[in-house]
Amino acid sequence: MKLKFLIVFGFAVTLFAACGGEDCSSPDITYTEGASAIINTSCATTPACHGNGTTATFPMSNYDQALAATSFGRIIGSINHQEGFRPMPFPEGSLMLEECEIDKLTAWINAGAPE
């Protein structure tokens, strides 16, 4: 019985540590503390995507640009690959963002995209 408990406890601790114990839907997320890291590594990566100098889309390389992008009302649908939205990251068939990243960006947008 103790062995089962230790195995389950060890698994739970490992899982918690692997996830970083972070709150993925924190209402306290800001651009500076959370959203920018996701956007800069997954969205504003090149001019072909949402980087500076893009002519195919809209840039998201800084707070003002990312805030303007939230006004389109399409980011949440796109990052969730919902029907009727262009899936992001693009091109179609690309892997979705991690669920925690989606939760953080959704919380940030729903909170009014604070800086």
N, C-alpha and C. Protein backbone atom coordinates (compact mmCIF):
# COMPACT_ATOMS: atom_id res chain seq x y z
N MET A 1 0.83 -1.19 0.00
CA MET A 1 0.00 0.00 0.00
C MET A 1 0.87 1.25 0.00
N LYS A 2 1.92 1.24 0.84
CA LYS A 2 2.81 2.39 0.90
C LYS A 2 3.52 2.59 -0.44
N LEU A 3 3.87 1.49 -1.09
CA LEU A 3 4.56 1.58 -2.36
C LEU A 3 3.67 2.23 -3.42
N LYS A 4 2.39 1.83 -3.45
CA LYS A 4 1.45 2.46 -4.40
C LYS A 4 1.34 3.95 -4.13
N PHE A 5 1.22 4.31 -2.87
CA PHE A 5 1.12 5.72 -2.49
C PHE A 5 2.35 6.49 -2.94
N LEU A 6 3.52 5.93 -2.70
CA LEU A 6 4.77 6.59 -3.09
C LEU A 6 4.88 6.75 -4.60
N ILE A 7 4.45 5.74 -5.33
CA ILE A 7 4.48 5.83 -6.79
C ILE A 7 3.54 6.91 -7.29
N VAL A 8 2.32 6.91 -6.79
CA VAL A 8 1.34 7.92 -7.20
C VAL A 8 1.81 9.31 -6.78
N PHE A 9 2.31 9.44 -5.56
CA PHE A 9 2.80 10.73 -5.07
C PHE A 9 3.98 11.21 -5.92
N GLY A 10 4.90 10.31 -6.22
CA GLY A 10 6.05 10.67 -7.06
C GLY A 10 5.62 11.12 -8.44
N PHE A 11 4.65 10.42 -9.02
CA PHE A 11 4.14 10.81 -10.33
C PHE A 11 3.50 12.19 -10.28
N ALA A 12 2.72 12.46 -9.26
CA ALA A 12 2.05 13.76 -9.12
C ALA A 12 3.07 14.88 -8.97
N VAL A 13 4.10 14.66 -8.18
CA VAL A 13 5.14 15.67 -7.99
C VAL A 13 5.88 15.91 -9.29
N THR A 14 6.20 14.84 -10.01
CA THR A 14 6.89 14.97 -11.29
C THR A 14 6.03 15.73 -12.29
N LEU A 15 4.77 15.41 -12.36
CA LEU A 15 3.86 16.09 -13.28
C LEU A 15 3.75 17.56 -12.94
N PHE A 16 3.62 17.88 -11.68
CA PHE A 16 3.52 19.27 -11.24
C PHE A 16 4.80 20.02 -11.60
N ALA A 17 5.94 19.41 -11.35
CA ALA A 17 7.23 20.05 -11.66
C ALA A 17 7.40 20.23 -13.16
N ALA A 18 6.97 19.26 -13.94
CA ALA A 18 7.10 19.35 -15.39
C ALA A 18 6.25 20.47 -15.96
N CYS A 19 5.13 20.71 -15.36
CA CYS A 19 4.25 21.79 -15.81
C CYS A 19 4.68 23.12 -15.24
N GLY A 20 5.65 23.12 -14.38
CA GLY A 20 6.13 24.35 -13.78
C GLY A 20 5.20 24.88 -12.72
N GLY A 21 4.11 24.19 -12.45
CA GLY A 21 3.18 24.64 -11.44
C GLY A 21 2.56 25.98 -11.77
N GLU A 22 2.57 26.35 -13.05
CA GLU A 22 2.08 27.66 -13.42
C GLU A 22 0.58 27.67 -13.62
N ASP A 23 -0.01 28.83 -13.38
CA ASP A 23 -1.43 29.02 -13.59
C ASP A 23 -1.63 29.48 -15.02
N CYS A 24 -2.19 28.62 -15.83
CA CYS A 24 -2.32 28.92 -17.26
C CYS A 24 -3.46 29.86 -17.59
N SER A 25 -4.36 30.10 -16.68
CA SER A 25 -5.49 30.98 -16.97
C SER A 25 -5.51 32.18 -16.02
N SER A 26 -4.34 32.57 -15.56
CA SER A 26 -4.24 33.65 -14.59
C SER A 26 -4.85 34.94 -15.11
N PRO A 27 -5.74 35.55 -14.34
CA PRO A 27 -6.31 36.83 -14.77
C PRO A 27 -5.30 37.96 -14.64
N ASP A 28 -4.15 37.69 -14.03
CA ASP A 28 -3.13 38.71 -13.81
C ASP A 28 -2.10 38.78 -14.93
N ILE A 29 -2.28 38.02 -15.99
CA ILE A 29 -1.31 38.02 -17.08
C ILE A 29 -1.31 39.37 -17.78
N THR A 30 -0.14 39.83 -18.12
CA THR A 30 0.02 41.08 -18.86
C THR A 30 0.85 40.79 -20.10
N TYR A 31 0.97 41.79 -20.95
CA TYR A 31 1.83 41.64 -22.13
C TYR A 31 3.26 41.37 -21.69
N THR A 32 3.73 42.19 -20.75
CA THR A 32 5.12 42.08 -20.29
C THR A 32 5.35 40.78 -19.53
N GLU A 33 4.40 40.37 -18.73
CA GLU A 33 4.53 39.17 -17.89
C GLU A 33 3.70 38.02 -18.45
N GLY A 34 4.08 37.51 -19.61
CA GLY A 34 3.44 36.31 -20.12
C GLY A 34 3.10 36.33 -21.59
N ALA A 35 2.32 37.29 -22.02
CA ALA A 35 1.84 37.28 -23.41
C ALA A 35 2.95 37.54 -24.41
N SER A 36 3.85 38.47 -24.11
CA SER A 36 4.90 38.82 -25.09
C SER A 36 5.80 37.63 -25.40
N ALA A 37 6.12 36.82 -24.41
CA ALA A 37 6.99 35.66 -24.65
C ALA A 37 6.35 34.69 -25.64
N ILE A 38 5.06 34.48 -25.51
CA ILE A 38 4.35 33.57 -26.42
C ILE A 38 4.27 34.19 -27.81
N ILE A 39 3.88 35.45 -27.88
CA ILE A 39 3.75 36.14 -29.17
C ILE A 39 5.09 36.20 -29.88
N ASN A 40 6.14 36.55 -29.17
CA ASN A 40 7.45 36.70 -29.80
C ASN A 40 8.05 35.39 -30.30
N THR A 41 7.71 34.28 -29.67
CA THR A 41 8.26 32.99 -30.11
C THR A 41 7.34 32.24 -31.06
N SER A 42 6.06 32.59 -31.10
CA SER A 42 5.12 31.82 -31.91
C SER A 42 4.40 32.62 -32.99
N CYS A 43 4.36 33.94 -32.86
CA CYS A 43 3.56 34.74 -33.79
C CYS A 43 4.41 35.76 -34.56
N ALA A 44 5.19 36.53 -33.84
CA ALA A 44 5.97 37.62 -34.45
C ALA A 44 7.37 37.13 -34.78
N THR A 45 7.46 35.98 -35.41
CA THR A 45 8.75 35.35 -35.64
C THR A 45 9.46 35.84 -36.90
N THR A 46 8.74 36.14 -37.93
CA THR A 46 9.34 36.60 -39.19
C THR A 46 8.39 37.61 -39.83
N PRO A 47 8.89 38.38 -40.78
CA PRO A 47 7.97 39.27 -41.51
C PRO A 47 6.86 38.51 -42.23
N ALA A 48 7.11 37.25 -42.59
CA ALA A 48 6.07 36.47 -43.26
C ALA A 48 4.92 36.15 -42.33
N CYS A 49 5.20 36.16 -41.03
CA CYS A 49 4.14 35.91 -40.06
C CYS A 49 3.65 37.26 -39.53
N HIS A 50 3.85 37.52 -38.25
CA HIS A 50 3.39 38.78 -37.67
C HIS A 50 4.56 39.62 -37.16
N GLY A 51 5.73 39.46 -37.79
CA GLY A 51 6.91 40.23 -37.40
C GLY A 51 6.91 41.61 -38.04
N ASN A 52 7.84 42.44 -37.61
CA ASN A 52 7.98 43.77 -38.20
C ASN A 52 8.24 43.63 -39.70
N GLY A 53 7.68 44.51 -40.47
CA GLY A 53 7.88 44.51 -41.91
C GLY A 53 6.93 43.62 -42.67
N THR A 54 6.00 42.99 -41.99
CA THR A 54 5.06 42.12 -42.69
C THR A 54 4.18 42.93 -43.63
N THR A 55 3.93 42.37 -44.79
CA THR A 55 3.00 43.00 -45.72
C THR A 55 1.80 42.09 -45.96
N ALA A 56 1.92 40.84 -45.53
CA ALA A 56 0.84 39.87 -45.75
C ALA A 56 -0.16 39.85 -44.60
N THR A 57 0.28 40.26 -43.41
CA THR A 57 -0.58 40.21 -42.24
C THR A 57 -0.41 41.51 -41.46
N PHE A 58 -0.67 41.46 -40.18
CA PHE A 58 -0.48 42.62 -39.31
C PHE A 58 0.64 42.30 -38.33
N PRO A 59 1.49 43.28 -38.03
CA PRO A 59 2.60 43.03 -37.12
C PRO A 59 2.14 42.92 -35.67
N MET A 60 2.89 42.14 -34.89
CA MET A 60 2.63 41.97 -33.46
C MET A 60 3.94 41.98 -32.69
N SER A 61 4.90 42.78 -33.13
CA SER A 61 6.25 42.76 -32.56
C SER A 61 6.41 43.57 -31.29
N ASN A 62 5.42 44.34 -30.92
CA ASN A 62 5.50 45.11 -29.68
C ASN A 62 4.10 45.24 -29.08
N TYR A 63 4.02 45.83 -27.91
CA TYR A 63 2.74 45.90 -27.22
C TYR A 63 1.67 46.62 -28.04
N ASP A 64 1.99 47.79 -28.57
CA ASP A 64 0.98 48.56 -29.32
C ASP A 64 0.44 47.77 -30.50
N GLN A 65 1.31 47.07 -31.21
CA GLN A 65 0.88 46.26 -32.35
C GLN A 65 0.02 45.07 -31.89
N ALA A 66 0.44 44.41 -30.82
CA ALA A 66 -0.31 43.26 -30.31
C ALA A 66 -1.68 43.71 -29.79
N LEU A 67 -1.71 44.86 -29.12
CA LEU A 67 -2.99 45.39 -28.64
C LEU A 67 -3.92 45.69 -29.80
N ALA A 68 -3.40 46.31 -30.85
CA ALA A 68 -4.22 46.59 -32.03
C ALA A 68 -4.75 45.29 -32.64
N ALA A 69 -3.93 44.25 -32.66
CA ALA A 69 -4.35 42.96 -33.22
C ALA A 69 -5.50 42.35 -32.44
N THR A 70 -5.55 42.60 -31.13
CA THR A 70 -6.66 42.03 -30.34
C THR A 70 -7.99 42.65 -30.72
N SER A 71 -7.96 43.85 -31.29
CA SER A 71 -9.21 44.52 -31.66
C SER A 71 -9.90 43.84 -32.85
N PHE A 72 -9.19 43.00 -33.58
CA PHE A 72 -9.80 42.30 -34.71
C PHE A 72 -10.76 41.22 -34.24
N GLY A 73 -10.58 40.76 -32.99
CA GLY A 73 -11.49 39.76 -32.43
C GLY A 73 -11.34 38.38 -33.02
N ARG A 74 -10.20 38.08 -33.60
CA ARG A 74 -10.03 36.79 -34.26
C ARG A 74 -8.92 35.93 -33.66
N ILE A 75 -8.13 36.46 -32.76
CA ILE A 75 -6.97 35.72 -32.26
C ILE A 75 -7.38 34.45 -31.52
N ILE A 76 -8.34 34.55 -30.63
CA ILE A 76 -8.75 33.38 -29.84
C ILE A 76 -9.26 32.26 -30.75
N GLY A 77 -10.07 32.58 -31.72
CA GLY A 77 -10.56 31.57 -32.66
C GLY A 77 -9.44 30.96 -33.48
N SER A 78 -8.49 31.79 -33.88
CA SER A 78 -7.38 31.32 -34.70
C SER A 78 -6.43 30.41 -33.94
N ILE A 79 -6.07 30.78 -32.71
CA ILE A 79 -5.13 29.94 -31.96
C ILE A 79 -5.77 28.65 -31.47
N ASN A 80 -7.11 28.61 -31.44
CA ASN A 80 -7.83 27.39 -31.07
C ASN A 80 -8.20 26.56 -32.30
N HIS A 81 -7.81 27.02 -33.48
CA HIS A 81 -8.12 26.34 -34.75
C HIS A 81 -9.62 26.07 -34.89
N GLN A 82 -10.42 27.07 -34.52
CA GLN A 82 -11.88 26.93 -34.62
C GLN A 82 -12.33 27.11 -36.06
N GLU A 83 -13.42 26.43 -36.39
CA GLU A 83 -13.99 26.54 -37.73
C GLU A 83 -14.35 28.00 -38.01
N GLY A 84 -14.05 28.45 -39.21
CA GLY A 84 -14.36 29.82 -39.60
C GLY A 84 -13.22 30.80 -39.33
N PHE A 85 -12.13 30.31 -38.73
CA PHE A 85 -10.97 31.14 -38.42
C PHE A 85 -9.75 30.56 -39.12
N ARG A 86 -8.85 31.41 -39.55
CA ARG A 86 -7.60 30.94 -40.13
C ARG A 86 -6.74 30.41 -38.98
N PRO A 87 -6.36 29.13 -39.05
CA PRO A 87 -5.61 28.55 -37.94
C PRO A 87 -4.22 29.17 -37.79
N MET A 88 -3.89 29.50 -36.58
CA MET A 88 -2.57 30.03 -36.26
C MET A 88 -1.95 29.15 -35.19
N PRO A 89 -0.70 28.89 -35.23
CA PRO A 89 0.24 29.32 -36.26
C PRO A 89 -0.11 28.72 -37.61
N PHE A 90 0.26 29.45 -38.64
CA PHE A 90 0.01 29.09 -40.02
C PHE A 90 1.29 28.47 -40.57
N PRO A 91 1.32 27.67 -41.54
CA PRO A 91 0.24 27.31 -42.44
C PRO A 91 -0.67 26.26 -41.84
N GLU A 92 -1.80 26.09 -42.47
CA GLU A 92 -2.76 25.09 -42.00
C GLU A 92 -2.06 23.75 -41.85
N GLY A 93 -2.36 23.08 -40.80
CA GLY A 93 -1.71 21.81 -40.50
C GLY A 93 -0.57 21.96 -39.52
N SER A 94 -0.18 23.20 -39.22
CA SER A 94 0.86 23.43 -38.22
C SER A 94 0.33 23.02 -36.86
N LEU A 95 1.24 22.68 -35.98
CA LEU A 95 0.83 22.32 -34.63
C LEU A 95 0.25 23.53 -33.92
N MET A 96 -0.74 23.28 -33.12
CA MET A 96 -1.33 24.35 -32.31
C MET A 96 -0.34 24.76 -31.22
N LEU A 97 -0.56 25.93 -30.67
CA LEU A 97 0.18 26.34 -29.49
C LEU A 97 -0.13 25.34 -28.37
N GLU A 98 0.73 25.28 -27.38
CA GLU A 98 0.45 24.45 -26.21
C GLU A 98 -0.81 24.97 -25.53
N GLU A 99 -1.56 24.08 -24.92
CA GLU A 99 -2.82 24.46 -24.26
C GLU A 99 -2.60 25.57 -23.24
N CYS A 100 -1.51 25.51 -22.49
CA CYS A 100 -1.23 26.54 -21.49
C CYS A 100 -1.00 27.90 -22.17
N GLU A 101 -0.32 27.90 -23.32
CA GLU A 101 -0.11 29.15 -24.05
C GLU A 101 -1.43 29.73 -24.54
N ILE A 102 -2.29 28.86 -25.04
CA ILE A 102 -3.62 29.30 -25.49
C ILE A 102 -4.40 29.88 -24.32
N ASP A 103 -4.37 29.20 -23.18
CA ASP A 103 -5.08 29.68 -21.99
C ASP A 103 -4.56 31.05 -21.55
N LYS A 104 -3.23 31.22 -21.58
CA LYS A 104 -2.65 32.50 -21.17
C LYS A 104 -3.04 33.62 -22.12
N LEU A 105 -2.94 33.38 -23.43
CA LEU A 105 -3.31 34.43 -24.39
C LEU A 105 -4.79 34.76 -24.30
N THR A 106 -5.61 33.75 -24.10
CA THR A 106 -7.05 33.97 -23.95
C THR A 106 -7.34 34.81 -22.71
N ALA A 107 -6.69 34.47 -21.60
CA ALA A 107 -6.88 35.24 -20.36
C ALA A 107 -6.41 36.68 -20.55
N TRP A 108 -5.29 36.87 -21.24
CA TRP A 108 -4.76 38.21 -21.49
C TRP A 108 -5.73 39.03 -22.33
N ILE A 109 -6.23 38.46 -23.40
CA ILE A 109 -7.18 39.17 -24.26
C ILE A 109 -8.47 39.46 -23.53
N ASN A 110 -8.99 38.45 -22.80
CA ASN A 110 -10.25 38.65 -22.07
C ASN A 110 -10.13 39.68 -20.94
N ALA A 111 -8.91 39.91 -20.46
CA ALA A 111 -8.68 40.91 -19.42
C ALA A 111 -8.47 42.31 -20.01
N GLY A 112 -8.60 42.43 -21.32
CA GLY A 112 -8.42 43.73 -21.96
C GLY A 112 -7.01 43.97 -22.46
N ALA A 113 -6.20 42.93 -22.54
CA ALA A 113 -4.82 42.98 -23.05
C ALA A 113 -3.97 44.02 -22.33
N PRO A 114 -3.87 43.92 -21.00
CA PRO A 114 -3.06 44.89 -20.26
C PRO A 114 -1.58 44.79 -20.57
N GLU A 115 -0.92 45.94 -20.50
CA GLU A 115 0.52 45.98 -20.77
C GLU A 115 1.29 45.44 -19.58
